[in-house]
Amino acid sequence: YLLLYVFVNIWTISIHDGDYRVPGFLTGAVNGSAHHTDHHLFFDYN
C-alpha cells in the first residue's frame, strides 16, 4: 500500500511532465503525458 501510494504520486507527476514519448505498443493503452496534455488543452478528452 505504501509503495503504491508513492507510485501514484510519481505517476501523477509523470503525466504532467511534458515528456510525450510513449512506446508504440503502449500508446493506445496507457494514458501518458501526451494523452493528459491533450486533456488540459482540449478539455473533454482523456
ModelCIF file with pLDDT and N, C-alpha, C, O atoms, coordinates in Angstrom:
data_MODEL
#
_entry.id   MODEL 
#
_entity.id                         1 
_entity.type                       polymer 
_entity.pdbx_number_of_molecules   1 
#
_entity_poly.entity_id                      1 
_entity_poly.type                           'polypeptide(L)' 
_entity_poly.nstd_linkage                   no 
_entity_poly.nstd_monomer                   no 
_entity_poly.pdbx_seq_one_letter_code       YLLLYVFVNIWTISIHDGDYRVPGFLTGAVNGSAHHTDHHLFFDYN 
_entity_poly.pdbx_seq_one_letter_code_can   YLLLYVFVNIWTISIHDGDYRVPGFLTGAVNGSAHHTDHHLFFDYN 
_entity_poly.pdbx_strand_id                 A 
#
loop_
_entity_poly_seq.entity_id 
_entity_poly_seq.num 
_entity_poly_seq.mon_id 
_entity_poly_seq.hetero 
1 1  TYR n 
1 2  LEU n 
1 3  LEU n 
1 4  LEU n 
1 5  TYR n 
1 6  VAL n 
1 7  PHE n 
1 8  VAL n 
1 9  ASN n 
1 10 ILE n 
1 11 TRP n 
1 12 THR n 
1 13 ILE n 
1 14 SER n 
1 15 ILE n 
1 16 HIS n 
1 17 ASP n 
1 18 GLY n 
1 19 ASP n 
1 20 TYR n 
1 21 ARG n 
1 22 VAL n 
1 23 PRO n 
1 24 GLY n 
1 25 PHE n 
1 26 LEU n 
1 27 THR n 
1 28 GLY n 
1 29 ALA n 
1 30 VAL n 
1 31 ASN n 
1 32 GLY n 
1 33 SER n 
1 34 ALA n 
1 35 HIS n 
1 36 HIS n 
1 37 THR n 
1 38 ASP n 
1 39 HIS n 
1 40 HIS n 
1 41 LEU n 
1 42 PHE n 
1 43 PHE n 
1 44 ASP n 
1 45 TYR n 
1 46 ASN n 
#
_struct_asym.id          A 
_struct_asym.entity_id   1 
#
loop_
_ma_qa_metric.id 
_ma_qa_metric.mode 
_ma_qa_metric.name 
_ma_qa_metric.software_group_id 
_ma_qa_metric.type 
1 global pLDDT . pLDDT 
2 local  pLDDT . pLDDT 
#
_ma_qa_metric_global.metric_id      1 
_ma_qa_metric_global.metric_value   93.17 
_ma_qa_metric_global.model_id       1 
_ma_qa_metric_global.ordinal_id     1 
#
loop_
_ma_qa_metric_local.label_asym_id 
_ma_qa_metric_local.label_comp_id 
_ma_qa_metric_local.label_seq_id 
_ma_qa_metric_local.metric_id 
_ma_qa_metric_local.metric_value 
_ma_qa_metric_local.model_id 
_ma_qa_metric_local.ordinal_id 
A TYR 1  2 96.00 1 1  
A LEU 2  2 96.00 1 2  
A LEU 3  2 96.00 1 3  
A LEU 4  2 97.00 1 4  
A TYR 5  2 94.00 1 5  
A VAL 6  2 96.00 1 6  
A PHE 7  2 96.00 1 7  
A VAL 8  2 96.00 1 8  
A ASN 9  2 96.00 1 9  
A ILE 10 2 96.00 1 10 
A TRP 11 2 97.00 1 11 
A THR 12 2 97.00 1 12 
A ILE 13 2 97.00 1 13 
A SER 14 2 96.00 1 14 
A ILE 15 2 96.00 1 15 
A HIS 16 2 96.00 1 16 
A ASP 17 2 94.00 1 17 
A GLY 18 2 91.00 1 18 
A ASP 19 2 91.00 1 19 
A TYR 20 2 90.00 1 20 
A ARG 21 2 85.00 1 21 
A VAL 22 2 80.00 1 22 
A PRO 23 2 80.00 1 23 
A GLY 24 2 82.00 1 24 
A PHE 25 2 83.00 1 25 
A LEU 26 2 87.00 1 26 
A THR 27 2 87.00 1 27 
A GLY 28 2 90.00 1 28 
A ALA 29 2 94.00 1 29 
A VAL 30 2 95.00 1 30 
A ASN 31 2 95.00 1 31 
A GLY 32 2 94.00 1 32 
A SER 33 2 95.00 1 33 
A ALA 34 2 95.00 1 34 
A HIS 35 2 95.00 1 35 
A HIS 36 2 96.00 1 36 
A THR 37 2 96.00 1 37 
A ASP 38 2 96.00 1 38 
A HIS 39 2 97.00 1 39 
A HIS 40 2 96.00 1 40 
A LEU 41 2 95.00 1 41 
A PHE 42 2 94.00 1 42 
A PHE 43 2 89.00 1 43 
A ASP 44 2 93.00 1 44 
A TYR 45 2 96.00 1 45 
A ASN 46 2 97.00 1 46 
#
loop_
_atom_site.group_PDB 
_atom_site.id 
_atom_site.type_symbol 
_atom_site.label_atom_id 
_atom_site.label_alt_id 
_atom_site.label_comp_id 
_atom_site.label_asym_id 
_atom_site.label_entity_id 
_atom_site.label_seq_id 
_atom_site.pdbx_PDB_ins_code 
_atom_site.Cartn_x 
_atom_site.Cartn_y 
_atom_site.Cartn_z 
_atom_site.occupancy 
_atom_site.B_iso_or_equiv 
_atom_site.pdbx_formal_charge 
_atom_site.auth_seq_id 
_atom_site.auth_comp_id 
_atom_site.auth_asym_id 
_atom_site.auth_atom_id 
_atom_site.pdbx_PDB_model_num 
ATOM 1   N N  . TYR A 1 1  ? 0.834   -1.209 0.000   1.00 96.00 ? 1  TYR A N  1 
ATOM 2   C CA . TYR A 1 1  ? 0.000   0.000  0.000   1.00 96.00 ? 1  TYR A CA 1 
ATOM 3   C C  . TYR A 1 1  ? 0.868   1.258  0.000   1.00 96.00 ? 1  TYR A C  1 
ATOM 4   O O  . TYR A 1 1  ? 0.595   2.201  -0.743  1.00 96.00 ? 1  TYR A O  1 
ATOM 5   N N  . LEU A 1 2  ? 1.899   1.274  0.820   1.00 96.00 ? 2  LEU A N  1 
ATOM 6   C CA . LEU A 1 2  ? 2.807   2.428  0.863   1.00 96.00 ? 2  LEU A CA 1 
ATOM 7   C C  . LEU A 1 2  ? 3.538   2.591  -0.466  1.00 96.00 ? 2  LEU A C  1 
ATOM 8   O O  . LEU A 1 2  ? 3.692   3.709  -0.958  1.00 96.00 ? 2  LEU A O  1 
ATOM 9   N N  . LEU A 1 3  ? 3.990   1.481  -1.050  1.00 96.00 ? 3  LEU A N  1 
ATOM 10  C CA . LEU A 1 3  ? 4.686   1.541  -2.333  1.00 96.00 ? 3  LEU A CA 1 
ATOM 11  C C  . LEU A 1 3  ? 3.762   2.051  -3.434  1.00 96.00 ? 3  LEU A C  1 
ATOM 12  O O  . LEU A 1 3  ? 4.169   2.849  -4.277  1.00 96.00 ? 3  LEU A O  1 
ATOM 13  N N  . LEU A 1 4  ? 2.520   1.585  -3.419  1.00 97.00 ? 4  LEU A N  1 
ATOM 14  C CA . LEU A 1 4  ? 1.551   2.046  -4.407  1.00 97.00 ? 4  LEU A CA 1 
ATOM 15  C C  . LEU A 1 4  ? 1.244   3.527  -4.221  1.00 97.00 ? 4  LEU A C  1 
ATOM 16  O O  . LEU A 1 4  ? 1.025   4.250  -5.192  1.00 97.00 ? 4  LEU A O  1 
ATOM 17  N N  . TYR A 1 5  ? 1.231   3.970  -2.975  1.00 94.00 ? 5  TYR A N  1 
ATOM 18  C CA . TYR A 1 5  ? 0.968   5.382  -2.690  1.00 94.00 ? 5  TYR A CA 1 
ATOM 19  C C  . TYR A 1 5  ? 2.074   6.261  -3.280  1.00 94.00 ? 5  TYR A C  1 
ATOM 20  O O  . TYR A 1 5  ? 1.803   7.321  -3.843  1.00 94.00 ? 5  TYR A O  1 
ATOM 21  N N  . VAL A 1 6  ? 3.324   5.807  -3.143  1.00 96.00 ? 6  VAL A N  1 
ATOM 22  C CA . VAL A 1 6  ? 4.443   6.540  -3.747  1.00 96.00 ? 6  VAL A CA 1 
ATOM 23  C C  . VAL A 1 6  ? 4.332   6.490  -5.269  1.00 96.00 ? 6  VAL A C  1 
ATOM 24  O O  . VAL A 1 6  ? 4.540   7.494  -5.950  1.00 96.00 ? 6  VAL A O  1 
ATOM 25  N N  . PHE A 1 7  ? 4.000   5.304  -5.794  1.00 96.00 ? 7  PHE A N  1 
ATOM 26  C CA . PHE A 1 7  ? 3.850   5.169  -7.248  1.00 96.00 ? 7  PHE A CA 1 
ATOM 27  C C  . PHE A 1 7  ? 2.784   6.107  -7.794  1.00 96.00 ? 7  PHE A C  1 
ATOM 28  O O  . PHE A 1 7  ? 2.971   6.722  -8.843  1.00 96.00 ? 7  PHE A O  1 
ATOM 29  N N  . VAL A 1 8  ? 1.667   6.216  -7.083  1.00 96.00 ? 8  VAL A N  1 
ATOM 30  C CA . VAL A 1 8  ? 0.577   7.102  -7.506  1.00 96.00 ? 8  VAL A CA 1 
ATOM 31  C C  . VAL A 1 8  ? 1.086   8.537  -7.653  1.00 96.00 ? 8  VAL A C  1 
ATOM 32  O O  . VAL A 1 8  ? 0.752   9.221  -8.620  1.00 96.00 ? 8  VAL A O  1 
ATOM 33  N N  . ASN A 1 9  ? 1.892   8.987  -6.693  1.00 96.00 ? 9  ASN A N  1 
ATOM 34  C CA . ASN A 1 9  ? 2.433   10.339 -6.761  1.00 96.00 ? 9  ASN A CA 1 
ATOM 35  C C  . ASN A 1 9  ? 3.415   10.496 -7.919  1.00 96.00 ? 9  ASN A C  1 
ATOM 36  O O  . ASN A 1 9  ? 3.422   11.522 -8.599  1.00 96.00 ? 9  ASN A O  1 
ATOM 37  N N  . ILE A 1 10 ? 4.241   9.479  -8.140  1.00 96.00 ? 10 ILE A N  1 
ATOM 38  C CA . ILE A 1 10 ? 5.170   9.518  -9.273  1.00 96.00 ? 10 ILE A CA 1 
ATOM 39  C C  . ILE A 1 10 ? 4.396   9.592  -10.585 1.00 96.00 ? 10 ILE A C  1 
ATOM 40  O O  . ILE A 1 10 ? 4.727   10.385 -11.467 1.00 96.00 ? 10 ILE A O  1 
ATOM 41  N N  . TRP A 1 11 ? 3.362   8.757  -10.706 1.00 97.00 ? 11 TRP A N  1 
ATOM 42  C CA . TRP A 1 11 ? 2.573   8.732  -11.942 1.00 97.00 ? 11 TRP A CA 1 
ATOM 43  C C  . TRP A 1 11 ? 1.861   10.065 -12.179 1.00 97.00 ? 11 TRP A C  1 
ATOM 44  O O  . TRP A 1 11 ? 1.834   10.576 -13.299 1.00 97.00 ? 11 TRP A O  1 
ATOM 45  N N  . THR A 1 12 ? 1.288   10.616 -11.111 1.00 97.00 ? 12 THR A N  1 
ATOM 46  C CA . THR A 1 12 ? 0.572   11.889 -11.231 1.00 97.00 ? 12 THR A CA 1 
ATOM 47  C C  . THR A 1 12 ? 1.506   12.984 -11.721 1.00 97.00 ? 12 THR A C  1 
ATOM 48  O O  . THR A 1 12 ? 1.114   13.822 -12.533 1.00 97.00 ? 12 THR A O  1 
ATOM 49  N N  . ILE A 1 13 ? 2.723   12.979 -11.238 1.00 97.00 ? 13 ILE A N  1 
ATOM 50  C CA . ILE A 1 13 ? 3.718   13.945 -11.707 1.00 97.00 ? 13 ILE A CA 1 
ATOM 51  C C  . ILE A 1 13 ? 4.119   13.645 -13.147 1.00 97.00 ? 13 ILE A C  1 
ATOM 52  O O  . ILE A 1 13 ? 4.293   14.560 -13.952 1.00 97.00 ? 13 ILE A O  1 
ATOM 53  N N  . SER A 1 14 ? 4.264   12.363 -13.470 1.00 96.00 ? 14 SER A N  1 
ATOM 54  C CA . SER A 1 14 ? 4.754   11.988 -14.806 1.00 96.00 ? 14 SER A CA 1 
ATOM 55  C C  . SER A 1 14 ? 3.792   12.375 -15.918 1.00 96.00 ? 14 SER A C  1 
ATOM 56  O O  . SER A 1 14 ? 4.237   12.675 -17.026 1.00 96.00 ? 14 SER A O  1 
ATOM 57  N N  . ILE A 1 15 ? 2.482   12.376 -15.659 1.00 96.00 ? 15 ILE A N  1 
ATOM 58  C CA . ILE A 1 15 ? 1.542   12.733 -16.732 1.00 96.00 ? 15 ILE A CA 1 
ATOM 59  C C  . ILE A 1 15 ? 1.431   14.252 -16.895 1.00 96.00 ? 15 ILE A C  1 
ATOM 60  O O  . ILE A 1 15 ? 0.673   14.744 -17.732 1.00 96.00 ? 15 ILE A O  1 
ATOM 61  N N  . HIS A 1 16 ? 2.193   14.982 -16.087 1.00 96.00 ? 16 HIS A N  1 
ATOM 62  C CA . HIS A 1 16 ? 2.272   16.436 -16.241 1.00 96.00 ? 16 HIS A CA 1 
ATOM 63  C C  . HIS A 1 16 ? 3.685   16.880 -16.614 1.00 96.00 ? 16 HIS A C  1 
ATOM 64  O O  . HIS A 1 16 ? 3.987   18.072 -16.561 1.00 96.00 ? 16 HIS A O  1 
ATOM 65  N N  . ASP A 1 17 ? 4.557   15.940 -16.990 1.00 94.00 ? 17 ASP A N  1 
ATOM 66  C CA . ASP A 1 17 ? 5.979   16.287 -17.132 1.00 94.00 ? 17 ASP A CA 1 
ATOM 67  C C  . ASP A 1 17 ? 6.405   16.722 -18.536 1.00 94.00 ? 17 ASP A C  1 
ATOM 68  O O  . ASP A 1 17 ? 7.572   17.051 -18.751 1.00 94.00 ? 17 ASP A O  1 
ATOM 69  N N  . GLY A 1 18 ? 5.472   16.727 -19.493 1.00 91.00 ? 18 GLY A N  1 
ATOM 70  C CA . GLY A 1 18 ? 5.802   17.209 -20.824 1.00 91.00 ? 18 GLY A CA 1 
ATOM 71  C C  . GLY A 1 18 ? 6.691   16.283 -21.632 1.00 91.00 ? 18 GLY A C  1 
ATOM 72  O O  . GLY A 1 18 ? 7.164   16.660 -22.705 1.00 91.00 ? 18 GLY A O  1 
ATOM 73  N N  . ASP A 1 19 ? 6.928   15.069 -21.133 1.00 91.00 ? 19 ASP A N  1 
ATOM 74  C CA . ASP A 1 19 ? 7.694   14.079 -21.892 1.00 91.00 ? 19 ASP A CA 1 
ATOM 75  C C  . ASP A 1 19 ? 6.684   13.202 -22.623 1.00 91.00 ? 19 ASP A C  1 
ATOM 76  O O  . ASP A 1 19 ? 6.081   12.309 -22.027 1.00 91.00 ? 19 ASP A O  1 
ATOM 77  N N  . TYR A 1 20 ? 6.505   13.456 -23.903 1.00 90.00 ? 20 TYR A N  1 
ATOM 78  C CA . TYR A 1 20 ? 5.427   12.825 -24.658 1.00 90.00 ? 20 TYR A CA 1 
ATOM 79  C C  . TYR A 1 20 ? 5.816   11.483 -25.278 1.00 90.00 ? 20 TYR A C  1 
ATOM 80  O O  . TYR A 1 20 ? 5.032   10.886 -26.015 1.00 90.00 ? 20 TYR A O  1 
ATOM 81  N N  . ARG A 1 21 ? 7.008   11.018 -24.983 1.00 85.00 ? 21 ARG A N  1 
ATOM 82  C CA . ARG A 1 21 ? 7.445   9.749  -25.558 1.00 85.00 ? 21 ARG A CA 1 
ATOM 83  C C  . ARG A 1 21 ? 6.695   8.582  -24.911 1.00 85.00 ? 21 ARG A C  1 
ATOM 84  O O  . ARG A 1 21 ? 6.649   8.460  -23.687 1.00 85.00 ? 21 ARG A O  1 
ATOM 85  N N  . VAL A 1 22 ? 6.117   7.740  -25.743 1.00 80.00 ? 22 VAL A N  1 
ATOM 86  C CA . VAL A 1 22 ? 5.409   6.545  -25.283 1.00 80.00 ? 22 VAL A CA 1 
ATOM 87  C C  . VAL A 1 22 ? 5.805   5.399  -26.210 1.00 80.00 ? 22 VAL A C  1 
ATOM 88  O O  . VAL A 1 22 ? 5.739   5.557  -27.429 1.00 80.00 ? 22 VAL A O  1 
ATOM 89  N N  . PRO A 1 23 ? 6.217   4.240  -25.666 1.00 80.00 ? 23 PRO A N  1 
ATOM 90  C CA . PRO A 1 23 ? 6.497   3.100  -26.548 1.00 80.00 ? 23 PRO A CA 1 
ATOM 91  C C  . PRO A 1 23 ? 5.291   2.822  -27.432 1.00 80.00 ? 23 PRO A C  1 
ATOM 92  O O  . PRO A 1 23 ? 4.152   2.799  -26.967 1.00 80.00 ? 23 PRO A O  1 
ATOM 93  N N  . GLY A 1 24 ? 5.562   2.613  -28.710 1.00 82.00 ? 24 GLY A N  1 
ATOM 94  C CA . GLY A 1 24 ? 4.482   2.485  -29.686 1.00 82.00 ? 24 GLY A CA 1 
ATOM 95  C C  . GLY A 1 24 ? 3.391   1.507  -29.309 1.00 82.00 ? 24 GLY A C  1 
ATOM 96  O O  . GLY A 1 24 ? 2.208   1.791  -29.497 1.00 82.00 ? 24 GLY A O  1 
ATOM 97  N N  . PHE A 1 25 ? 3.779   0.346  -28.774 1.00 83.00 ? 25 PHE A N  1 
ATOM 98  C CA . PHE A 1 25 ? 2.775   -0.672 -28.466 1.00 83.00 ? 25 PHE A CA 1 
ATOM 99  C C  . PHE A 1 25 ? 1.920   -0.313 -27.249 1.00 83.00 ? 25 PHE A C  1 
ATOM 100 O O  . PHE A 1 25 ? 0.899   -0.955 -27.001 1.00 83.00 ? 25 PHE A O  1 
ATOM 101 N N  . LEU A 1 26 ? 2.333   0.715  -26.484 1.00 87.00 ? 26 LEU A N  1 
ATOM 102 C CA . LEU A 1 26 ? 1.568   1.134  -25.314 1.00 87.00 ? 26 LEU A CA 1 
ATOM 103 C C  . LEU A 1 26 ? 0.718   2.382  -25.559 1.00 87.00 ? 26 LEU A C  1 
ATOM 104 O O  . LEU A 1 26 ? -0.105  2.757  -24.724 1.00 87.00 ? 26 LEU A O  1 
ATOM 105 N N  . THR A 1 27 ? 0.925   3.016  -26.704 1.00 87.00 ? 27 THR A N  1 
ATOM 106 C CA . THR A 1 27 ? 0.260   4.290  -26.973 1.00 87.00 ? 27 THR A CA 1 
ATOM 107 C C  . THR A 1 27 ? -1.250  4.220  -26.833 1.00 87.00 ? 27 THR A C  1 
ATOM 108 O O  . THR A 1 27 ? -1.869  5.136  -26.291 1.00 87.00 ? 27 THR A O  1 
ATOM 109 N N  . GLY A 1 28 ? -1.841  3.148  -27.314 1.00 90.00 ? 28 GLY A N  1 
ATOM 110 C CA . GLY A 1 28 ? -3.292  3.046  -27.287 1.00 90.00 ? 28 GLY A CA 1 
ATOM 111 C C  . GLY A 1 28 ? -3.857  2.544  -25.980 1.00 90.00 ? 28 GLY A C  1 
ATOM 112 O O  . GLY A 1 28 ? -5.075  2.538  -25.801 1.00 90.00 ? 28 GLY A O  1 
ATOM 113 N N  . ALA A 1 29 ? -2.990  2.114  -25.045 1.00 94.00 ? 29 ALA A N  1 
ATOM 114 C CA . ALA A 1 29 ? -3.475  1.512  -23.805 1.00 94.00 ? 29 ALA A CA 1 
ATOM 115 C C  . ALA A 1 29 ? -3.133  2.315  -22.552 1.00 94.00 ? 29 ALA A C  1 
ATOM 116 O O  . ALA A 1 29 ? -3.890  2.312  -21.581 1.00 94.00 ? 29 ALA A O  1 
ATOM 117 N N  . VAL A 1 30 ? -1.994  3.002  -22.577 1.00 95.00 ? 30 VAL A N  1 
ATOM 118 C CA . VAL A 1 30 ? -1.520  3.704  -21.383 1.00 95.00 ? 30 VAL A CA 1 
ATOM 119 C C  . VAL A 1 30 ? -1.742  5.202  -21.534 1.00 95.00 ? 30 VAL A C  1 
ATOM 120 O O  . VAL A 1 30 ? -1.405  5.793  -22.560 1.00 95.00 ? 30 VAL A O  1 
ATOM 121 N N  . ASN A 1 31 ? -2.314  5.803  -20.502 1.00 95.00 ? 31 ASN A N  1 
ATOM 122 C CA . ASN A 1 31 ? -2.581  7.238  -20.505 1.00 95.00 ? 31 ASN A CA 1 
ATOM 123 C C  . ASN A 1 31 ? -1.330  7.973  -20.014 1.00 95.00 ? 31 ASN A C  1 
ATOM 124 O O  . ASN A 1 31 ? -1.126  8.129  -18.810 1.00 95.00 ? 31 ASN A O  1 
ATOM 125 N N  . GLY A 1 32 ? -0.503  8.420  -20.949 1.00 94.00 ? 32 GLY A N  1 
ATOM 126 C CA . GLY A 1 32 ? 0.742   9.088  -20.594 1.00 94.00 ? 32 GLY A CA 1 
ATOM 127 C C  . GLY A 1 32 ? 0.625   10.603 -20.626 1.00 94.00 ? 32 GLY A C  1 
ATOM 128 O O  . GLY A 1 32 ? -0.469  11.163 -20.697 1.00 94.00 ? 32 GLY A O  1 
ATOM 129 N N  . SER A 1 33 ? 1.779   11.245 -20.571 1.00 95.00 ? 33 SER A N  1 
ATOM 130 C CA . SER A 1 33 ? 1.810   12.707 -20.546 1.00 95.00 ? 33 SER A CA 1 
ATOM 131 C C  . SER A 1 33 ? 1.206   13.313 -21.811 1.00 95.00 ? 33 SER A C  1 
ATOM 132 O O  . SER A 1 33 ? 0.541   14.347 -21.742 1.00 95.00 ? 33 SER A O  1 
ATOM 133 N N  . ALA A 1 34 ? 1.429   12.684 -22.960 1.00 95.00 ? 34 ALA A N  1 
ATOM 134 C CA . ALA A 1 34 ? 0.870   13.202 -24.214 1.00 95.00 ? 34 ALA A CA 1 
ATOM 135 C C  . ALA A 1 34 ? -0.657  13.174 -24.173 1.00 95.00 ? 34 ALA A C  1 
ATOM 136 O O  . ALA A 1 34 ? -1.314  14.115 -24.617 1.00 95.00 ? 34 ALA A O  1 
ATOM 137 N N  . HIS A 1 35 ? -1.213  12.091 -23.639 1.00 95.00 ? 35 HIS A N  1 
ATOM 138 C CA . HIS A 1 35 ? -2.670  11.981 -23.523 1.00 95.00 ? 35 HIS A CA 1 
ATOM 139 C C  . HIS A 1 35 ? -3.214  13.037 -22.571 1.00 95.00 ? 35 HIS A C  1 
ATOM 140 O O  . HIS A 1 35 ? -4.203  13.710 -22.865 1.00 95.00 ? 35 HIS A O  1 
ATOM 141 N N  . HIS A 1 36 ? -2.546  13.172 -21.418 1.00 96.00 ? 36 HIS A N  1 
ATOM 142 C CA . HIS A 1 36 ? -3.070  14.075 -20.396 1.00 96.00 ? 36 HIS A CA 1 
ATOM 143 C C  . HIS A 1 36 ? -2.897  15.543 -20.778 1.00 96.00 ? 36 HIS A C  1 
ATOM 144 O O  . HIS A 1 36 ? -3.702  16.388 -20.386 1.00 96.00 ? 36 HIS A O  1 
ATOM 145 N N  . THR A 1 37 ? -1.857  15.843 -21.537 1.00 96.00 ? 37 THR A N  1 
ATOM 146 C CA . THR A 1 37 ? -1.691  17.215 -22.015 1.00 96.00 ? 37 THR A CA 1 
ATOM 147 C C  . THR A 1 37 ? -2.850  17.596 -22.925 1.00 96.00 ? 37 THR A C  1 
ATOM 148 O O  . THR A 1 37 ? -3.328  18.730 -22.878 1.00 96.00 ? 37 THR A O  1 
ATOM 149 N N  . ASP A 1 38 ? -3.305  16.660 -23.753 1.00 96.00 ? 38 ASP A N  1 
ATOM 150 C CA . ASP A 1 38 ? -4.481  16.931 -24.585 1.00 96.00 ? 38 ASP A CA 1 
ATOM 151 C C  . ASP A 1 38 ? -5.719  17.154 -23.726 1.00 96.00 ? 38 ASP A C  1 
ATOM 152 O O  . ASP A 1 38 ? -6.606  17.921 -24.101 1.00 96.00 ? 38 ASP A O  1 
ATOM 153 N N  . HIS A 1 39 ? -5.782  16.487 -22.576 1.00 97.00 ? 39 HIS A N  1 
ATOM 154 C CA . HIS A 1 39 ? -6.909  16.749 -21.671 1.00 97.00 ? 39 HIS A CA 1 
ATOM 155 C C  . HIS A 1 39 ? -6.876  18.205 -21.194 1.00 97.00 ? 39 HIS A C  1 
ATOM 156 O O  . HIS A 1 39 ? -7.915  18.863 -21.143 1.00 97.00 ? 39 HIS A O  1 
ATOM 157 N N  . HIS A 1 40 ? -5.705  18.701 -20.850 1.00 96.00 ? 40 HIS A N  1 
ATOM 158 C CA . HIS A 1 40 ? -5.590  20.091 -20.411 1.00 96.00 ? 40 HIS A CA 1 
ATOM 159 C C  . HIS A 1 40 ? -5.910  21.066 -21.544 1.00 96.00 ? 40 HIS A C  1 
ATOM 160 O O  . HIS A 1 40 ? -6.489  22.128 -21.313 1.00 96.00 ? 40 HIS A O  1 
ATOM 161 N N  . LEU A 1 41 ? -5.532  20.703 -22.757 1.00 95.00 ? 41 LEU A N  1 
ATOM 162 C CA . LEU A 1 41 ? -5.722  21.606 -23.889 1.00 95.00 ? 41 LEU A CA 1 
ATOM 163 C C  . LEU A 1 41 ? -7.133  21.549 -24.468 1.00 95.00 ? 41 LEU A C  1 
ATOM 164 O O  . LEU A 1 41 ? -7.687  22.579 -24.852 1.00 95.00 ? 41 LEU A O  1 
ATOM 165 N N  . PHE A 1 42 ? -7.714  20.355 -24.533 1.00 94.00 ? 42 PHE A N  1 
ATOM 166 C CA . PHE A 1 42 ? -8.986  20.170 -25.241 1.00 94.00 ? 42 PHE A CA 1 
ATOM 167 C C  . PHE A 1 42 ? -10.153 19.803 -24.334 1.00 94.00 ? 42 PHE A C  1 
ATOM 168 O O  . PHE A 1 42 ? -11.286 19.668 -24.796 1.00 94.00 ? 42 PHE A O  1 
ATOM 169 N N  . PHE A 1 43 ? -9.871  19.639 -23.030 1.00 89.00 ? 43 PHE A N  1 
ATOM 170 C CA . PHE A 1 43 ? -10.903 19.653 -22.001 1.00 89.00 ? 43 PHE A CA 1 
ATOM 171 C C  . PHE A 1 43 ? -11.731 18.374 -21.877 1.00 89.00 ? 43 PHE A C  1 
ATOM 172 O O  . PHE A 1 43 ? -11.791 17.804 -20.787 1.00 89.00 ? 43 PHE A O  1 
ATOM 173 N N  . ASP A 1 44 ? -12.361 17.911 -22.928 1.00 93.00 ? 44 ASP A N  1 
ATOM 174 C CA . ASP A 1 44 ? -13.356 16.836 -22.832 1.00 93.00 ? 44 ASP A CA 1 
ATOM 175 C C  . ASP A 1 44 ? -12.823 15.455 -23.199 1.00 93.00 ? 44 ASP A C  1 
ATOM 176 O O  . ASP A 1 44 ? -13.604 14.557 -23.514 1.00 93.00 ? 44 ASP A O  1 
ATOM 177 N N  . TYR A 1 45 ? -11.529 15.276 -23.163 1.00 96.00 ? 45 TYR A N  1 
ATOM 178 C CA . TYR A 1 45 ? -10.928 14.010 -23.588 1.00 96.00 ? 45 TYR A CA 1 
ATOM 179 C C  . TYR A 1 45 ? -9.926  13.509 -22.548 1.00 96.00 ? 45 TYR A C  1 
ATOM 180 O O  . TYR A 1 45 ? -9.399  14.276 -21.742 1.00 96.00 ? 45 TYR A O  1 
ATOM 181 N N  . ASN A 1 46 ? -9.681  12.190 -22.593 1.00 97.00 ? 46 ASN A N  1 
ATOM 182 C CA . ASN A 1 46 ? -8.602  11.559 -21.824 1.00 97.00 ? 46 ASN A CA 1 
ATOM 183 C C  . ASN A 1 46 ? -8.685  11.876 -20.326 1.00 97.00 ? 46 ASN A C  1 
ATOM 184 O O  . ASN A 1 46 ? -7.847  11.417 -19.550 1.00 97.00 ? 46 ASN A O  1 
#
